[in-house]
C-alpha atoms as a PDB file:
ATOM      1  CA  MET A   1     -16.212 -10.449  -6.340  1.00  0.00           C
ATOM      2  CA  ILE A   2     -12.839 -12.945  -6.253  1.00  0.00           C
ATOM      3  CA  ALA A   3     -10.692  -9.906  -4.388  1.00  0.00           C
ATOM      4  CA  VAL A   4     -13.854  -9.479  -2.403  1.00  0.00           C
ATOM      5  CA  LEU A   5     -13.737 -13.060  -1.804  1.00  0.00           C
ATOM      6  CA  GLY A   6      -9.585 -13.649  -1.773  1.00  0.00           C
ATOM      7  CA  LEU A   7      -9.322 -11.048   1.720  1.00  0.00           C
ATOM      8  CA  VAL A   8     -12.192 -12.189   3.714  1.00  0.00           C
ATOM      9  CA  VAL A   9     -10.163 -15.787   3.184  1.00  0.00           C
ATOM     10  CA  GLY A  10      -6.879 -14.207   3.671  1.00  0.00           C
ATOM     11  CA  VAL A  11      -8.297 -12.201   7.048  1.00  0.00           C
ATOM     12  CA  ILE A  12      -9.444 -15.046   8.756  1.00  0.00           C
ATOM     13  CA  GLY A  13      -6.406 -17.331   7.138  1.00  0.00           C
ATOM     14  CA  GLY A  14      -4.478 -14.617   9.550  1.00  0.00           C
ATOM     15  CA  ILE A  15      -6.956 -14.650  12.265  1.00  0.00           C
ATOM     16  CA  VAL A  16      -6.975 -17.900  12.163  1.00  0.00           C
ATOM     17  CA  LEU A  17      -3.597 -18.479  11.777  1.00  0.00           C
ATOM     18  CA  GLN A  18      -1.283 -16.030  13.298  1.00  0.00           C
ATOM     19  CA  PRO A  19       1.432 -15.988  11.501  1.00  0.00           C
ATOM     20  CA  THR A  20       4.542 -14.232  12.892  1.00  0.00           C
ATOM     21  CA  VAL A  21       6.379 -12.092  11.141  1.00  0.00           C
ATOM     22  CA  PRO A  22      10.622 -12.950  11.130  1.00  0.00           C
ATOM     23  CA  LEU A  23      12.370 -10.333  12.315  1.00  0.00           C
ATOM     24  CA  SER A  24      14.485  -9.129   9.794  1.00  0.00           C
ATOM     25  CA  VAL A  25      11.330  -8.663   7.611  1.00  0.00           C
ATOM     26  CA  GLN A  26       9.220  -6.794  10.400  1.00  0.00           C
ATOM     27  CA  PRO A  27      10.790  -3.209   9.907  1.00  0.00           C
ATOM     28  CA  TYR A  28       9.695  -4.011   5.636  1.00  0.00           C
ATOM     29  CA  LEU A  29       5.825  -4.842   6.965  1.00  0.00           C
ATOM     30  CA  PRO A  30       4.142  -1.283   8.027  1.00  0.00           C
ATOM     31  CA  ILE A  31       6.245   0.392   4.191  1.00  0.00           C
ATOM     32  CA  ALA A  32       4.620  -2.318   2.212  1.00  0.00           C
ATOM     33  CA  VAL A  33       0.911  -1.678   4.199  1.00  0.00           C
ATOM     34  CA  VAL A  34       1.362   1.991   3.369  1.00  0.00           C
ATOM     35  CA  ALA A  35       2.059   0.477   0.186  1.00  0.00           C
ATOM     36  CA  ALA A  36      -0.266  -1.739  -0.390  1.00  0.00           C
ATOM     37  CA  LEU A  37      -2.845   1.407   0.370  1.00  0.00           C
ATOM     38  CA  ASP A  38      -1.591   3.729  -1.293  1.00  0.00           C
ATOM     39  CA  ALA A  39      -2.352   1.403  -5.098  1.00  0.00           C
ATOM     40  CA  LEU A  40      -5.975   0.530  -3.665  1.00  0.00           C
ATOM     41  CA  PHE A  41      -6.744   4.138  -2.951  1.00  0.00           C
ATOM     42  CA  GLY A  42      -5.011   4.608  -6.892  1.00  0.00           C
ATOM     43  CA  GLY A  43      -6.862   2.043  -8.107  1.00  0.00           C
ATOM     44  CA  LEU A  44     -10.600   3.042  -6.090  1.00  0.00           C
ATOM     45  CA  ARG A  45      -9.852   6.673  -7.876  1.00  0.00           C
ATOM     46  CA  ALA A  46      -8.573   5.574 -10.701  1.00  0.00           C
ATOM     47  CA  LEU A  47     -12.218   3.034 -11.109  1.00  0.00           C
ATOM     48  CA  LEU A  48     -14.884   5.797 -10.006  1.00  0.00           C
ATOM     49  CA  ASP A  49     -12.593   8.290 -12.785  1.00  0.00           C
ATOM     50  CA  GLY A  50     -13.435   5.463 -15.563  1.00  0.00           C
ATOM     51  CA  ILE A  51      -9.764   4.643 -16.592  1.00  0.00           C
ATOM     52  CA  PHE A  52      -9.549   1.789 -14.145  1.00  0.00           C
ATOM     53  CA  ASP A  53      -7.169  -1.271 -16.094  1.00  0.00           C
ATOM     54  CA  ASP A  54      -6.168  -4.033 -13.545  1.00  0.00           C
ATOM     55  CA  ARG A  55      -2.461  -4.155 -15.328  1.00  0.00           C
ATOM     56  CA  VAL A  56      -1.807  -0.593 -14.237  1.00  0.00           C
ATOM     57  CA  PHE A  57      -3.244  -1.960 -10.329  1.00  0.00           C
ATOM     58  CA  VAL A  58      -0.644  -4.851 -10.260  1.00  0.00           C
ATOM     59  CA  VAL A  59       2.163  -2.950 -11.507  1.00  0.00           C
ATOM     60  CA  SER A  60       1.605   0.331  -8.989  1.00  0.00           C
ATOM     61  CA  PHE A  61       1.289  -2.347  -6.265  1.00  0.00           C
ATOM     62  CA  LEU A  62       4.458  -4.387  -6.621  1.00  0.00           C
ATOM     63  CA  SER A  63       6.393  -1.526  -8.128  1.00  0.00           C
ATOM     64  CA  ASN A  64       5.149   0.671  -5.491  1.00  0.00           C
ATOM     65  CA  ALA A  65       5.964  -2.198  -2.805  1.00  0.00           C
ATOM     66  CA  VAL A  66       9.390  -3.415  -4.075  1.00  0.00           C
ATOM     67  CA  VAL A  67      10.843   0.289  -4.520  1.00  0.00           C
ATOM     68  CA  ALA A  68       9.275   1.375  -0.636  1.00  0.00           C
ATOM     69  CA  ALA A  69      11.286  -1.839   0.391  1.00  0.00           C
ATOM     70  CA  LEU A  70      14.302  -0.948  -1.796  1.00  0.00           C
ATOM     71  CA  ILE A  71      14.742   2.848  -0.116  1.00  0.00           C
ATOM     72  CA  VAL A  72      13.628   1.502   3.446  1.00  0.00           C
ATOM     73  CA  PHE A  73      16.466  -1.309   2.766  1.00  0.00           C
ATOM     74  CA  LEU A  74      18.877   1.349   1.085  1.00  0.00           C
ATOM     75  CA  GLY A  75      18.687   3.932   4.680  1.00  0.00           C
ATOM     76  CA  ASP A  76      19.483   0.215   6.759  1.00  0.00           C
ATOM     77  CA  GLN A  77      22.181  -0.018   5.133  1.00  0.00           C
ATOM     78  CA  LEU A  78      22.918   3.458   5.837  1.00  0.00           C
ATOM     79  CA  GLY A  79      22.775   3.372   9.108  1.00  0.00           C
ATOM     80  CA  VAL A  80      19.322   5.505   8.324  1.00  0.00           C
ATOM     81  CA  GLY A  81      16.876   3.193   7.959  1.00  0.00           C
ATOM     82  CA  THR A  82      14.264   4.818  10.052  1.00  0.00           C
ATOM     83  CA  GLN A  83      13.827   8.225   8.436  1.00  0.00           C
ATOM     84  CA  LEU A  84      13.780   6.867   5.526  1.00  0.00           C
ATOM     85  CA  SER A  85      10.894   4.511   6.611  1.00  0.00           C
ATOM     86  CA  THR A  86       9.570   7.577   7.826  1.00  0.00           C
ATOM     87  CA  ALA A  87      10.021   9.939   4.339  1.00  0.00           C
ATOM     88  CA  VAL A  88       8.434   6.959   2.248  1.00  0.00           C
ATOM     89  CA  VAL A  89       5.586   6.392   4.384  1.00  0.00           C
ATOM     90  CA  VAL A  90       5.552  10.746   4.577  1.00  0.00           C
ATOM     91  CA  VAL A  91       5.279  10.734   0.572  1.00  0.00           C
ATOM     92  CA  LEU A  92       2.733   7.401   0.310  1.00  0.00           C
ATOM     93  CA  GLY A  93      -0.093   8.940   2.585  1.00  0.00           C
ATOM     94  CA  ILE A  94       0.010  12.919   1.429  1.00  0.00           C
ATOM     95  CA  ARG A  95      -0.506  10.328  -1.885  1.00  0.00           C
ATOM     96  CA  ILE A  96      -3.475   8.173  -0.177  1.00  0.00           C
ATOM     97  CA  PHE A  97      -4.668  11.349   1.245  1.00  0.00           C
ATOM     98  CA  SER A  98      -5.111  12.734  -2.171  1.00  0.00           C
ATOM     99  CA  ASN A  99      -6.894  10.256  -3.283  1.00  0.00           C
ATOM    100  CA  ALA A 100      -9.278   9.989  -0.496  1.00  0.00           C
ATOM    101  CA  ALA A 101      -9.933  13.368  -1.254  1.00  0.00           C
ATOM    102  CA  ALA A 102     -10.378  13.296  -4.676  1.00  0.00           C
ATOM    103  CA  ILE A 103     -12.926  10.222  -3.798  1.00  0.00           C
ATOM    104  CA  ARG A 104     -14.926  11.814  -1.632  1.00  0.00           C
ATOM    105  CA  ARG A 105     -14.950  14.757  -4.241  1.00  0.00           C
ATOM    106  CA  HIS A 106     -16.341  12.502  -6.658  1.00  0.00           C
ATOM    107  CA  LEU A 107     -18.404  10.142  -4.491  1.00  0.00           C
ATOM    108  CA  PHE A 108     -20.555  13.913  -2.672  1.00  0.00           C
ATOM    109  CA  LYS A 109     -19.746  15.990  -4.938  1.00  0.00           C
ATOM    110  CA  ALA A 110     -18.352  18.105  -2.426  1.00  0.00           C
END
């Protein structure tokens, strides 16, 4: 319940305050969102499978975001930032859809 309340407060705060993202951070924001979605779907799948652990969820969330950001940063430094960003999104997207399929199978028995 606390997490849902925090999410609602965060969304309302973002709508009201309308924060701007600095130009230097903008390439990393979509990657962070995709990494967060990957952790969220993985956590939901683990919850439905009965193996959810909050420590694993937090570590997964943080490590996904950090590793994805480092890969994009490395790509920027090498001059291939767009290609590595695409690779990160594809890999995390595959994981998101895999977890979503497992969640669907669990919920609908199909």
